[in-house]
Each structure stands twice: as C-alpha cells, then as structure tokens.
C-alpha cells in the first residue's frame, strides 16, 4: 500500500470521487491511566495514549492546553506520559491525540486525574440502542479511567441488584441488560478501596415492539411521478442488521431491494403504473423470517401521487394577488379543479428540482395551501396537480406556474450559552443557535472565523460545541445559518455571546 493511500485511509478518505464511497474509520485515540499499584492509584501514575494506526507524533493536553508534544524516531501505536505522584500541578482533565506530517486526529476521550480518595466517575453508555425488546441484546458499557479495576452496575430503586465485572486487562466492562430501569455504574481499584463516584445515569426502556424506522422518496415524504417512472424508497432503521419490509396498506410488497449500509434498505419500484399511487410504509424486525420476534412500529407514510396528465390542468392563483409579498406575510395558493373528490399536490420548483410542498384532499373542487410567515426561503415557482385516487386513477397536467418572490433579509438567529458564569478549563462549552429554518447549516464564529459547524440540522436550531475549552477559547462568539442549495443564502450574524474561561 502506498504512503498516500495509507494516509487517506487514516483520515477516513478514499481516492474515489463519489462521496458515498468514502471509507469511514475511527481515528480518535484512547487515553487511560495506569497505576504502579492499584492499592495507591495516585502514588505513581502514567497516562497511556493509544493511537488507531502507527504514528510518530503524540500530544498530551491538560485543561484544554497542550502540555507535551512528542516526536518519535520509530512509528508506534502507543506512547506513555509519566505523571508520577499526582499533585495540585498535575490534577486536571486530560486528552491526547496522534498525528502524522503535522496533521492530527481528533482528541481522545476525556480522562480526569483528581488524586482524591474517591476516583472520578466513569462513563456509562448503551449499545446499540437505549431500549430492550424481544430478540435484541442491549448492553451497558462502563468505562473508567484506570486499567484493571472492578466495575459495579446498579439499578435505581433496586437494592438487590448489583452486577460486578472485573477487567484485569481493560479499562471498561460490559453488562447485558435484561430489565428496564435507570442504571449507573462505579468502580473500585481494589477490594478495600472506596468506590468511585457513580456515573451519570442511563435510562433503559422496555418496548413491546421496536420504534419505527423512517421512509422517504428522493429525501422527501411525498413526490409526484408520471406512470412508467422508476422510484426508489429508502427505509432507515435506528439500528443495524435487521430485516426490512415495505407495505402499502396491509399488503407486503416483494420488490427488488439493495443496501449500502446495514441500517437501511433501498426499495426499487420499477415502471410504476397509475394504480401504484398512495401511501407506503416500512418496518423492520430483528432476526429473519424464521424467528417470531415482533415487527417494529410502522414508519410515517411516504406518499406517491401518480399523474398521467390526461385530465385538464388545474388553475393556480395567489391571495393576496401580489407575487412579491412582504416578509412575514400570509400567502394562500388556491388550486381549482373541474370537480370534487380529488387529491391535490402543491409542487415547488427551484434550482431544477421539483418537490411536493404539501398535499390535500378537500371536500370540494378547490385546495387552499397556506404559506405562513413567508421569507426569502419561500421564493420559488409553484404549480399544482390533482389525481383521482379511485379507478381509473387518472391525473392532471400541471397548472401554470406562479412565481413567488419575497425580498428582504432572512430572520436573524439568536445565540444562547448553555452554561452560567465562567467555563471551567477542560470542559465543553455548548452554544445553541436558534434560527427559523430547518435543514440548514449552522456556523459558530469568533472574530469572523468559523470555529464549529452543524450540517443539515433537522430542526430550526442546533447546539454548537466548543470541545475541551482552554484559555485560548475566551472571547466573543456569534452564529449564523446558511444553505448552498437549492437557493444559496446566508443569514445575518446573531447577537454576540462572551465566553469566559475560569482562571484565565
């Protein structure tokens, strides 16, 4: 393997131009403490940084500041940082990272060195999900700071429940979960030693059936197609290695399928006919057809509206009649057909893409679609179609387009700090950027430079995290949101928020 290919693999990249072909690889190192004697764990401590791949460079950080940079003569996957006896100068929150050619991995897990009689709390997490259901083995993973300790798992309100696991060669232990409840874990370095502070609790729910997957067509919950089109529906489950099923109503559809990852399936509908319109759902179950485990709840439906364009086009009009409404106005788009009993779709077109804005089945011959609090984001060409959902399943040609243009700036976001006072060095600082638009990219800026980003947020707000804060993070921050497609836009900056770091 060439040095270039090895380096690309290290960073989770590939030589393929297709983004979906990129190789995902964990690069974050592991960091733990090794005591000369677990009877006196803080008397002589060494921090071990374990890289994912061989490297020449390691860095050790304390409280957000680099303490040591080591460049080795021979490649290795591990490096030891001796601390010795823990004192006031060496207490703190540590991370490490590894690198190559001045490129660095992300920071390791957080390790607290407190030198106290009671060791710092471990971290408890659930895998692969935080619920139990027939057929699924859920485990709790308790990770401590020292290698070779004994882990204790407890369930809130159950004095009789105590699971013990020894990890002589590891820094974590796993516990299978059979019952719902609030769990926490701790550890002790030796039999007579005081247990650590308990971890933050993890809630395990018991579900009669697994939670629903999501189903979409072209990334949307509904689309309009001509008969004869090939359509792909994507079903995504909250965990991997499951069996999927596509349904229309109560009918199970046996159609071609493909998969690019174990948590999703692509259902392929070939050359659809007008009768194939309607609501589709998907579900999944653990195991396979030979098991009796329950199916998940059904996904929210995805709707296919098939229109053969044989019926007369509807008429689309706007109220108020102006097609350049003021920002914040209410615009009503009225789609009128020759008769009642039809399914209507309002279609939005911009940047060459058509997508369904909303659907209605009114009692009369007219559907009224409302655009509330319009902004620049509502600027687009709109049309509407209708289709008969009963035989012979005919549909209309699209209406004439209505071009809607809204001028003016985008609503300004608001930035909120999710902490009080000064942030302690070594901890994370979380700022919530509240915008007004979902499916955008949120950016956190300091002195005009982007320092944190959240892409494609599902909601109109996002939490932007400054990881492992040190004195160098102090300053004023603001946020904005943007999109490059289908209509490029960039919001104004939010109000500034000052981040103060304790001790700086």
Protein backbone atom coordinates (compact mmCIF):
# COMPACT_ATOMS: atom_id res chain seq x y z
CA UNK A 1 0.00 0.00 0.00
CA UNK A 2 1.38 3.43 -0.91
CA UNK A 3 2.02 6.13 1.71
CA UNK A 4 -0.67 8.31 0.07
CA UNK A 5 -3.34 5.60 0.26
CA UNK A 6 -2.39 4.77 3.85
CA UNK A 7 -2.66 8.44 4.80
CA UNK A 8 -6.06 8.78 3.12
CA UNK A 9 -7.30 5.71 4.95
CA UNK A 10 -6.09 7.18 8.23
CA UNK A 11 -8.31 10.21 7.73
CA UNK A 12 -11.36 8.24 6.56
CA UNK A 13 -10.98 9.26 2.90
CA UNK A 14 -10.70 7.39 -0.36
CA UNK A 15 -9.46 8.05 -3.87
CA UNK A 16 -12.97 7.60 -5.25
CA UNK A 17 -14.68 10.83 -6.39
CA UNK A 18 -18.04 9.57 -5.10
CA UNK A 19 -18.77 10.78 -1.55
CA UNK A 20 -20.77 7.66 -0.73
CA UNK A 21 -17.71 5.54 -1.44
CA UNK A 22 -15.61 7.23 1.28
CA UNK A 23 -14.21 4.90 3.90
CA UNK A 24 -15.23 5.73 7.45
CA UNK A 25 -12.58 4.90 10.03
CA UNK A 26 -12.31 5.76 13.71
CA UNK A 27 -9.23 7.95 14.29
CA UNK A 28 -9.78 9.10 17.88
CA UNK A 29 -7.10 7.69 20.23
CA UNK A 30 -7.81 6.01 23.56
CA UNK A 31 -6.44 7.51 26.78
CA UNK A 32 -6.31 5.81 30.18
CA UNK A 33 -4.29 5.83 33.40
CA UNK A 34 -2.02 3.05 34.61
CA UNK A 35 -1.07 2.96 38.29
CA UNK A 36 2.13 1.41 39.59
CA UNK A 37 -0.08 -0.08 42.33
CA UNK A 38 -3.88 -0.06 42.41
CA UNK A 39 -3.64 -0.08 46.21
CA UNK A 40 -2.39 3.52 45.92
CA UNK A 41 -3.56 4.51 42.43
CA UNK A 42 -2.42 8.14 42.60
CA UNK A 43 1.04 7.49 44.04
CA UNK A 44 2.68 6.88 40.66
CA UNK A 45 0.56 7.36 37.54
CA UNK A 46 1.34 7.02 33.83
CA UNK A 47 -1.08 8.15 31.11
CA UNK A 48 -1.26 5.82 28.10
CA UNK A 49 -2.27 7.28 24.71
CA UNK A 50 -3.17 4.55 22.21
CA UNK A 51 -3.44 5.57 18.54
CA UNK A 52 -5.61 3.77 15.99
CA UNK A 53 -2.75 3.50 13.47
CA UNK A 54 1.01 3.69 13.71
CA UNK A 55 2.37 7.22 14.02
CA UNK A 56 5.43 9.25 15.02
CA UNK A 57 3.67 12.05 16.91
CA UNK A 58 1.67 12.33 20.12
CA UNK A 59 0.37 15.30 22.08
CA UNK A 60 -0.92 15.40 25.66
CA UNK A 61 -3.35 18.13 26.77
CA UNK A 62 -4.45 19.24 30.23
CA UNK A 63 -7.43 21.54 30.80
CA UNK A 64 -7.56 22.43 27.10
CA UNK A 65 -3.86 23.35 26.74
CA UNK A 66 -1.11 21.26 25.12
CA UNK A 67 1.37 20.11 27.78
CA UNK A 68 3.71 17.90 25.78
CA UNK A 69 4.49 17.18 22.12
CA UNK A 70 6.46 14.01 21.41
CA UNK A 71 8.05 13.22 18.04
CA UNK A 72 9.44 9.67 17.94
CA UNK A 73 12.13 8.07 15.79
CA UNK A 74 10.10 4.90 15.12
CA UNK A 75 6.40 4.54 14.36
CA UNK A 76 4.26 3.06 17.11
CA UNK A 77 0.61 2.91 18.24
CA UNK A 78 1.17 3.76 21.92
CA UNK A 79 3.00 6.33 23.99
CA UNK A 80 3.32 6.70 27.77
CA UNK A 81 3.25 10.07 29.51
CA UNK A 82 4.57 9.66 33.12
CA UNK A 83 2.87 11.92 35.68
CA UNK A 84 4.35 10.43 38.83
CA UNK A 85 2.62 11.22 42.09
CA UNK A 86 -0.49 13.31 41.50
CA UNK A 87 -0.21 16.83 42.92
CA UNK A 88 -2.06 20.10 42.51
CA UNK A 89 0.03 20.77 39.42
CA UNK A 90 -0.98 17.54 37.67
CA UNK A 91 -4.65 17.35 38.66
CA UNK A 92 -6.96 18.15 35.76
CA UNK A 93 -8.81 16.95 32.68
CA UNK A 94 -6.59 15.25 30.11
CA UNK A 95 -6.90 14.32 26.46
CA UNK A 96 -4.37 13.21 23.85
CA UNK A 97 -4.13 12.97 20.09
CA UNK A 98 -1.89 11.38 17.49
CA UNK A 99 -0.82 12.60 14.07
CA UNK A 100 1.36 12.41 11.01
CA UNK A 101 3.03 15.12 8.91
CA UNK A 102 1.54 17.93 11.03
CA UNK A 103 -1.97 16.53 10.63
CA UNK A 104 -3.71 15.49 13.81
CA UNK A 105 -6.52 13.17 14.75
CA UNK A 106 -9.41 14.39 16.86
CA UNK A 107 -8.86 14.49 20.61
CA UNK A 108 -9.15 11.31 22.66
CA UNK A 109 -11.74 10.55 25.31
CA UNK A 110 -11.64 12.75 28.40
CA UNK A 111 -9.67 11.45 31.42
CA UNK A 112 -9.97 13.08 34.83
CA UNK A 113 -6.99 12.94 37.21
CA UNK A 114 -8.18 14.14 40.62
CA UNK A 115 -5.82 12.49 43.13
CA UNK A 116 -8.73 12.06 45.55
CA UNK A 117 -9.52 9.04 47.70
CA UNK A 118 -12.70 8.57 45.67
CA UNK A 119 -11.73 8.19 41.99
CA UNK A 120 -13.58 10.27 39.37
CA UNK A 121 -16.84 8.85 37.96
CA UNK A 122 -16.80 6.51 34.97
CA UNK A 123 -18.80 6.93 31.76
CA UNK A 124 -21.82 4.66 31.18
CA UNK A 125 -23.32 4.17 27.71
CA UNK A 126 -25.69 1.75 26.00
CA UNK A 127 -25.11 -0.24 22.79
CA UNK A 128 -26.54 -0.48 20.20
CA UNK A 129 -29.63 1.39 21.50
CA UNK A 130 -31.11 2.52 24.81
CA UNK A 131 -34.07 0.15 24.84
CA UNK A 132 -34.79 -3.57 25.13
CA UNK A 133 -37.27 -5.61 23.15
CA UNK A 134 -37.65 -9.34 22.38
CA UNK A 135 -34.76 -10.57 20.23
CA UNK A 136 -32.40 -7.67 20.95
CA UNK A 137 -29.37 -7.88 23.24
CA UNK A 138 -28.66 -4.45 24.68
CA UNK A 139 -25.51 -3.94 26.71
CA UNK A 140 -24.27 -1.23 29.04
CA UNK A 141 -20.60 -0.27 28.74
CA UNK A 142 -18.94 1.20 31.81
CA UNK A 143 -15.60 2.89 31.09
CA UNK A 144 -13.31 4.02 33.89
CA UNK A 145 -10.04 5.87 34.00
CA UNK A 146 -7.76 3.05 35.24
CA UNK A 147 -6.90 -0.27 33.66
CA UNK A 148 -7.50 -3.37 35.79
CA UNK A 149 -10.30 -2.20 38.10
CA UNK A 150 -13.55 -3.86 39.20
CA UNK A 151 -16.81 -2.37 37.85
CA UNK A 152 -20.15 -2.23 39.69
CA UNK A 153 -23.52 -1.77 37.97
CA UNK A 154 -26.61 -0.69 39.93
CA UNK A 155 -30.24 -0.07 39.06
CA UNK A 156 -32.07 2.79 40.73
CA UNK A 157 -34.64 1.71 43.32
CA UNK A 158 -33.46 -1.93 43.37
CA UNK A 159 -31.26 -2.54 46.41
CA UNK A 160 -30.89 -6.20 45.48
CA UNK A 161 -29.50 -5.51 42.02
CA UNK A 162 -25.71 -5.34 41.80
CA UNK A 163 -23.67 -6.66 38.88
CA UNK A 164 -19.90 -6.97 39.30
CA UNK A 165 -17.36 -7.34 36.47
CA UNK A 166 -13.58 -7.45 36.66
CA UNK A 167 -11.44 -6.02 33.85
CA UNK A 168 -7.86 -7.06 34.62
CA UNK A 169 -6.56 -6.07 31.17
CA UNK A 170 -9.06 -3.39 30.15
CA UNK A 171 -10.46 -0.01 31.14
CA UNK A 172 -14.10 -0.94 30.62
CA UNK A 173 -16.62 -3.70 31.27
CA UNK A 174 -19.88 -4.67 29.55
CA UNK A 175 -23.14 -5.71 31.20
CA UNK A 176 -26.06 -7.33 29.30
CA UNK A 177 -29.37 -5.63 30.18
CA UNK A 178 -32.49 -7.71 30.75
CA UNK A 179 -34.79 -5.25 32.51
CA UNK A 180 -35.81 -1.62 32.06
CA UNK A 181 -34.68 0.98 34.56
CA UNK A 182 -32.25 3.78 35.42
CA UNK A 183 -28.72 2.39 35.62
CA UNK A 184 -25.45 3.81 36.91
CA UNK A 185 -22.02 2.31 37.38
CA UNK A 186 -18.92 2.88 39.50
CA UNK A 187 -15.60 1.12 40.00
CA UNK A 188 -13.08 0.36 42.71
CA UNK A 189 -9.34 -0.01 42.32
CA UNK A 190 -9.04 -2.74 44.99
CA UNK A 191 -11.33 -4.69 47.31
CA UNK A 192 -10.86 -2.38 50.32
CA UNK A 193 -10.83 0.82 48.29
CA UNK A 194 -13.60 3.39 48.19
CA UNK A 195 -15.75 3.13 45.07
CA UNK A 196 -15.67 5.94 42.56
CA UNK A 197 -18.40 8.48 42.24
CA UNK A 198 -21.28 6.95 40.23
CA UNK A 199 -21.61 7.64 36.52
CA UNK A 200 -24.38 9.75 35.07
CA UNK A 201 -27.49 7.54 34.82
CA UNK A 202 -28.56 5.81 31.63
CA UNK A 203 -32.28 5.09 31.12
CA UNK A 204 -33.17 1.77 29.50
CA UNK A 205 -36.76 1.46 28.24
CA UNK A 206 -38.65 -1.76 27.58
CA UNK A 207 -40.63 -1.69 24.34
CA UNK A 208 -43.20 -4.24 23.20
CA UNK A 209 -42.07 -3.54 19.64
CA UNK A 210 -39.03 -1.68 18.26
CA UNK A 211 -39.56 2.03 17.42
CA UNK A 212 -40.45 2.94 13.83
CA UNK A 213 -37.97 3.49 11.00
CA UNK A 214 -38.12 6.43 8.58
CA UNK A 215 -39.26 6.14 4.96
CA UNK A 216 -38.60 8.69 2.22
CA UNK A 217 -38.64 9.10 -1.55
CA UNK A 218 -35.94 11.36 -3.00
CA UNK A 219 -35.36 12.59 0.55
CA UNK A 220 -38.98 13.76 0.89
CA UNK A 221 -42.17 12.40 2.43
CA UNK A 222 -44.11 12.75 -0.85
CA UNK A 223 -43.47 13.16 -4.58
CA UNK A 224 -45.39 13.37 -7.86
CA UNK A 225 -44.43 10.99 -10.68
CA UNK A 226 -45.51 10.08 -14.18
CA UNK A 227 -46.59 6.48 -14.75
CA UNK A 228 -43.70 4.38 -16.01
CA UNK A 229 -41.14 6.00 -13.71
CA UNK A 230 -38.64 4.02 -11.62
CA UNK A 231 -38.94 5.03 -7.96
CA UNK A 232 -36.66 4.31 -5.01
CA UNK A 233 -37.96 4.37 -1.44
CA UNK A 234 -35.37 4.47 1.37
CA UNK A 235 -36.13 2.87 4.74
CA UNK A 236 -33.72 3.64 7.62
CA UNK A 237 -33.81 1.80 10.97
CA UNK A 238 -32.35 3.03 14.29
CA UNK A 239 -30.01 0.02 14.45
CA UNK A 240 -28.15 -2.30 12.09
CA UNK A 241 -28.57 -5.89 10.95
CA UNK A 242 -32.36 -6.06 10.67
CA UNK A 243 -34.87 -7.45 8.19
CA UNK A 244 -36.93 -4.83 6.34
CA UNK A 245 -40.42 -4.93 4.85
CA UNK A 246 -42.23 -2.50 2.51
CA UNK A 247 -46.01 -2.26 2.68
CA UNK A 248 -48.87 -0.42 1.04
CA UNK A 249 -51.74 -0.58 3.46
CA UNK A 250 -51.64 -4.16 4.78
CA UNK A 251 -50.11 -5.54 1.57
CA UNK A 252 -46.49 -6.68 1.80
CA UNK A 253 -44.64 -5.68 -1.38
CA UNK A 254 -41.95 -8.02 -2.68
CA UNK A 255 -39.88 -5.67 -4.82
CA UNK A 256 -36.17 -5.51 -5.72
CA UNK A 257 -34.01 -4.05 -2.99
CA UNK A 258 -30.43 -3.00 -2.37
CA UNK A 259 -28.37 -1.75 0.56
CA UNK A 260 -25.23 0.30 1.12
CA UNK A 261 -25.14 0.01 4.92
CA UNK A 262 -26.70 -2.40 7.45
CA UNK A 263 -29.15 0.15 8.87
CA UNK A 264 -31.02 0.95 5.61
CA UNK A 265 -32.59 -0.57 2.54
CA UNK A 266 -33.48 0.83 -0.90
CA UNK A 267 -36.80 -0.49 -2.24
CA UNK A 268 -36.95 -0.20 -6.03
CA UNK A 269 -40.34 0.22 -7.72
CA UNK A 270 -39.90 -0.39 -11.44
CA UNK A 271 -42.12 1.20 -14.13
CA UNK A 272 -44.91 2.20 -11.76
CA UNK A 273 -48.49 2.32 -13.01
CA UNK A 274 -51.19 4.84 -12.07
CA UNK A 275 -52.70 2.34 -9.62
CA UNK A 276 -49.40 2.25 -7.67
CA UNK A 277 -50.01 5.66 -6.13
CA UNK A 278 -50.86 6.02 -2.46
CA UNK A 279 -49.31 5.67 0.96
CA UNK A 280 -46.34 3.39 1.61
CA UNK A 281 -44.83 2.39 4.95
CA UNK A 282 -41.90 0.25 6.01
CA UNK A 283 -40.97 -1.65 9.13
CA UNK A 284 -38.20 -3.91 10.38
CA UNK A 285 -37.55 -6.70 12.81
CA UNK A 286 -34.60 -8.33 14.44
CA UNK A 287 -33.54 -11.68 13.05
CA UNK A 288 -35.29 -13.12 10.00
CA UNK A 289 -38.41 -14.88 8.76
CA UNK A 290 -37.58 -17.97 10.86
CA UNK A 291 -38.00 -16.08 14.13
CA UNK A 292 -41.15 -14.99 15.93
CA UNK A 293 -39.79 -11.63 17.09
CA UNK A 294 -42.15 -8.68 16.65
CA UNK A 295 -42.07 -6.20 13.81
CA UNK A 296 -41.33 -2.59 14.63
CA UNK A 297 -43.99 0.08 14.52
CA UNK A 298 -44.69 1.31 11.00
CA UNK A 299 -42.83 4.32 9.66
CA UNK A 300 -44.62 7.55 8.92
CA UNK A 301 -46.05 7.05 5.41
CA UNK A 302 -44.40 8.25 2.22
CA UNK A 303 -46.91 9.20 -0.47
CA UNK A 304 -46.59 8.67 -4.22
CA UNK A 305 -49.00 10.69 -6.34
CA UNK A 306 -49.14 9.30 -9.89
CA UNK A 307 -50.47 11.64 -12.57
CA UNK A 308 -50.74 10.52 -16.22
CA UNK A 309 -51.53 14.15 -17.20
CA UNK A 310 -54.64 13.11 -19.16
CA UNK A 311 -57.03 15.36 -17.19
CA UNK A 312 -57.26 19.14 -17.67
CA UNK A 313 -54.71 21.24 -15.81
CA UNK A 314 -55.99 22.98 -12.68
CA UNK A 315 -55.90 26.74 -12.11
CA UNK A 316 -53.47 28.08 -9.51
CA UNK A 317 -53.89 31.59 -8.07
CA UNK A 318 -52.45 33.52 -5.13
CA UNK A 319 -54.06 35.60 -2.37
CA UNK A 320 -53.11 38.37 -1.99
CA UNK A 321 -52.65 38.69 -5.72
CA UNK A 322 -49.20 40.32 -5.44
CA UNK A 323 -46.40 37.89 -6.22
CA UNK A 324 -43.88 39.91 -4.22
CA UNK A 325 -45.32 39.74 -0.72
CA UNK A 326 -43.65 41.42 2.25
CA UNK A 327 -41.61 39.22 4.61
CA UNK A 328 -43.81 37.78 7.36
CA UNK A 329 -46.99 37.86 5.27
CA UNK A 330 -49.50 35.01 4.87
CA UNK A 331 -49.84 33.81 1.27
CA UNK A 332 -52.61 31.46 0.18
CA UNK A 333 -52.22 29.47 -3.05
CA UNK A 334 -55.57 28.19 -4.40
CA UNK A 335 -55.65 25.19 -6.73
CA UNK A 336 -59.00 24.67 -8.51
CA UNK A 337 -60.02 21.52 -10.44
CA UNK A 338 -63.09 20.76 -12.59
CA UNK A 339 -64.70 18.54 -9.92
CA UNK A 340 -64.53 17.36 -6.31
CA UNK A 341 -63.18 14.14 -4.78
CA UNK A 342 -59.54 14.55 -5.87
CA UNK A 343 -56.09 14.52 -4.28
CA UNK A 344 -54.18 17.79 -4.77
CA UNK A 345 -50.42 18.43 -4.58
CA UNK A 346 -48.69 21.80 -4.43
CA UNK A 347 -45.33 21.45 -6.15
CA UNK A 348 -42.36 23.75 -5.59
CA UNK A 349 -39.65 24.17 -8.24
CA UNK A 350 -36.26 25.79 -7.72
CA UNK A 351 -32.74 25.08 -8.95
CA UNK A 352 -34.14 22.49 -11.34
CA UNK A 353 -35.68 20.34 -8.60
CA UNK A 354 -39.38 19.62 -8.13
CA UNK A 355 -40.68 18.59 -4.73
CA UNK A 356 -44.07 18.36 -3.11
CA UNK A 357 -44.70 21.19 -0.67
CA UNK A 358 -47.96 19.75 0.69
CA UNK A 359 -50.97 17.57 -0.20
CA UNK A 360 -54.71 17.93 0.41
CA UNK A 361 -57.94 16.04 -0.19
CA UNK A 362 -60.61 18.77 0.15
CA UNK A 363 -64.32 18.04 0.12
CA UNK A 364 -64.85 20.44 -2.77
CA UNK A 365 -63.08 21.15 -6.05
CA UNK A 366 -60.54 23.59 -4.59
CA UNK A 367 -57.50 23.10 -2.35
CA UNK A 368 -56.11 26.03 -0.39
CA UNK A 369 -52.41 25.86 0.53
CA UNK A 370 -51.06 28.36 3.07
CA UNK A 371 -47.52 29.74 3.25
CA UNK A 372 -47.19 31.35 6.66
CA UNK A 373 -44.67 33.99 7.69
CA UNK A 374 -43.03 33.99 4.25
CA UNK A 375 -39.38 34.90 3.81
CA UNK A 376 -36.71 34.75 1.14
CA UNK A 377 -36.74 30.94 1.58
CA UNK A 378 -40.26 30.75 0.11
CA UNK A 379 -39.16 32.34 -3.18
CA UNK A 380 -39.77 29.72 -5.89
CA UNK A 381 -42.01 28.68 -8.76
CA UNK A 382 -45.18 26.89 -7.64
CA UNK A 383 -47.61 24.72 -9.58
CA UNK A 384 -50.24 22.19 -8.62
CA UNK A 385 -51.64 18.90 -9.91
CA UNK A 386 -54.53 16.66 -8.95
CA UNK A 387 -55.23 12.96 -9.31
CA UNK A 388 -58.14 10.60 -8.82
CA UNK A 389 -57.35 8.01 -6.15
CA UNK A 390 -60.03 5.61 -7.47
CA UNK A 391 -60.04 3.69 -10.78
CA UNK A 392 -59.12 4.59 -13.47
CA UNK A 393 -56.54 6.62 -11.42
CA UNK A 394 -56.27 9.47 -13.89
CA UNK A 395 -54.28 12.63 -13.14
CA UNK A 396 -53.95 16.15 -14.43
CA UNK A 397 -51.29 18.05 -16.26
CA UNK A 398 -49.57 20.62 -14.00
CA UNK A 399 -51.07 24.07 -13.67
CA UNK A 400 -49.36 27.16 -14.98
CA UNK A 401 -46.55 28.23 -12.66
CA UNK A 402 -46.90 31.02 -10.12
CA UNK A 403 -43.59 32.73 -9.44
CA UNK A 404 -43.39 33.93 -5.84
CA UNK A 405 -40.58 36.30 -4.84
CA UNK A 406 -40.01 37.54 -1.28
CA UNK A 407 -37.40 40.26 -0.75
CA UNK A 408 -35.66 41.32 2.43
CA UNK A 409 -33.12 39.82 4.84
CA UNK A 410 -33.51 36.43 6.47
CA UNK A 411 -34.60 36.34 10.12
CA UNK A 412 -31.61 36.89 12.39
CA UNK A 413 -30.69 33.90 14.61
CA UNK A 414 -30.28 34.09 18.38
CA UNK A 415 -27.27 32.60 20.22
CA UNK A 416 -27.76 31.24 23.74
CA UNK A 417 -24.99 29.97 26.06
CA UNK A 418 -25.93 26.73 27.82
CA UNK A 419 -23.81 27.48 30.89
CA UNK A 420 -23.66 30.00 33.73
CA UNK A 421 -20.66 32.11 34.68
CA UNK A 422 -17.17 31.16 33.55
CA UNK A 423 -16.49 27.75 31.97
CA UNK A 424 -14.03 25.53 33.85
CA UNK A 425 -10.94 24.63 31.78
CA UNK A 426 -11.17 21.18 30.20
CA UNK A 427 -14.96 21.14 29.94
CA UNK A 428 -17.09 21.66 26.82
CA UNK A 429 -18.94 24.89 26.11
CA UNK A 430 -22.26 24.48 24.28
CA UNK A 431 -23.97 27.37 22.49
CA UNK A 432 -27.45 26.98 20.98
CA UNK A 433 -28.09 28.84 17.73
CA UNK A 434 -31.82 29.34 17.23
CA UNK A 435 -32.77 30.14 13.65
CA UNK A 436 -36.06 29.99 11.83
CA UNK A 437 -35.32 27.45 9.11
CA UNK A 438 -34.75 23.66 9.24
CA UNK A 439 -32.35 21.74 7.01
CA UNK A 440 -29.65 24.41 7.03
CA UNK A 441 -26.03 24.61 8.12
CA UNK A 442 -25.37 26.42 11.41
CA UNK A 443 -22.00 28.09 11.95
CA UNK A 444 -20.36 29.41 15.12
CA UNK A 445 -17.92 32.26 14.53
CA UNK A 446 -15.25 34.05 16.51
CA UNK A 447 -13.51 37.12 15.10
CA UNK A 448 -15.00 36.35 11.68
CA UNK A 449 -13.70 32.76 11.55
CA UNK A 450 -15.91 29.65 11.68
CA UNK A 451 -14.96 27.50 14.68
CA UNK A 452 -17.85 24.98 14.79
CA UNK A 453 -20.42 23.76 12.26
CA UNK A 454 -23.56 21.61 12.29
CA UNK A 455 -24.70 20.48 8.83
CA UNK A 456 -28.26 19.71 7.80
CA UNK A 457 -29.92 20.20 11.17
CA UNK A 458 -33.43 18.68 11.19
CA UNK A 459 -34.78 21.48 13.37
CA UNK A 460 -34.54 25.24 13.28
CA UNK A 461 -31.89 25.28 16.00
CA UNK A 462 -28.61 23.49 16.65
CA UNK A 463 -26.18 23.05 19.53
CA UNK A 464 -22.66 24.13 18.57
CA UNK A 465 -19.94 22.69 20.79
CA UNK A 466 -16.53 24.06 21.69
CA UNK A 467 -14.80 20.90 22.83
CA UNK A 468 -12.35 20.87 25.71
CA UNK A 469 -12.23 24.59 26.45
CA UNK A 470 -8.95 26.25 27.43
CA UNK A 471 -7.88 29.87 27.97
CA UNK A 472 -7.43 30.25 24.21
CA UNK A 473 -11.21 29.87 23.75
CA UNK A 474 -12.11 33.01 25.72
CA UNK A 475 -13.77 35.69 23.61
CA UNK A 476 -16.97 36.76 21.84
CA UNK A 477 -18.94 34.37 19.63
CA UNK A 478 -21.84 34.74 17.20
CA UNK A 479 -23.71 32.37 14.89
CA UNK A 480 -25.45 32.32 11.52
CA UNK A 481 -27.16 29.82 9.22
CA UNK A 482 -26.71 29.19 5.54
CA UNK A 483 -27.62 26.95 2.62
CA UNK A 484 -25.99 26.39 -0.75
CA UNK A 485 -28.95 24.60 -2.34
CA UNK A 486 -31.50 24.93 -3.85
CA UNK A 487 -31.28 28.73 -3.33
CA UNK A 488 -27.98 29.94 -1.83
CA UNK A 489 -28.48 32.21 1.18
CA UNK A 490 -26.66 33.40 4.29
CA UNK A 491 -28.31 34.90 7.37
CA UNK A 492 -27.08 37.85 9.37
CA UNK A 493 -24.96 37.25 12.46
CA UNK A 494 -26.65 36.72 15.80
CA UNK A 495 -26.11 38.77 18.90
CA UNK A 496 -22.62 38.17 20.41
CA UNK A 497 -22.08 35.92 23.44
CA UNK A 498 -18.94 36.22 25.60
CA UNK A 499 -17.20 33.04 26.74
CA UNK A 500 -15.12 33.45 29.90
CA UNK A 501 -12.75 30.67 30.97
CA UNK A 502 -12.14 30.31 34.70
CA UNK A 503 -8.60 31.17 35.77
CA UNK A 504 -7.66 32.94 32.54
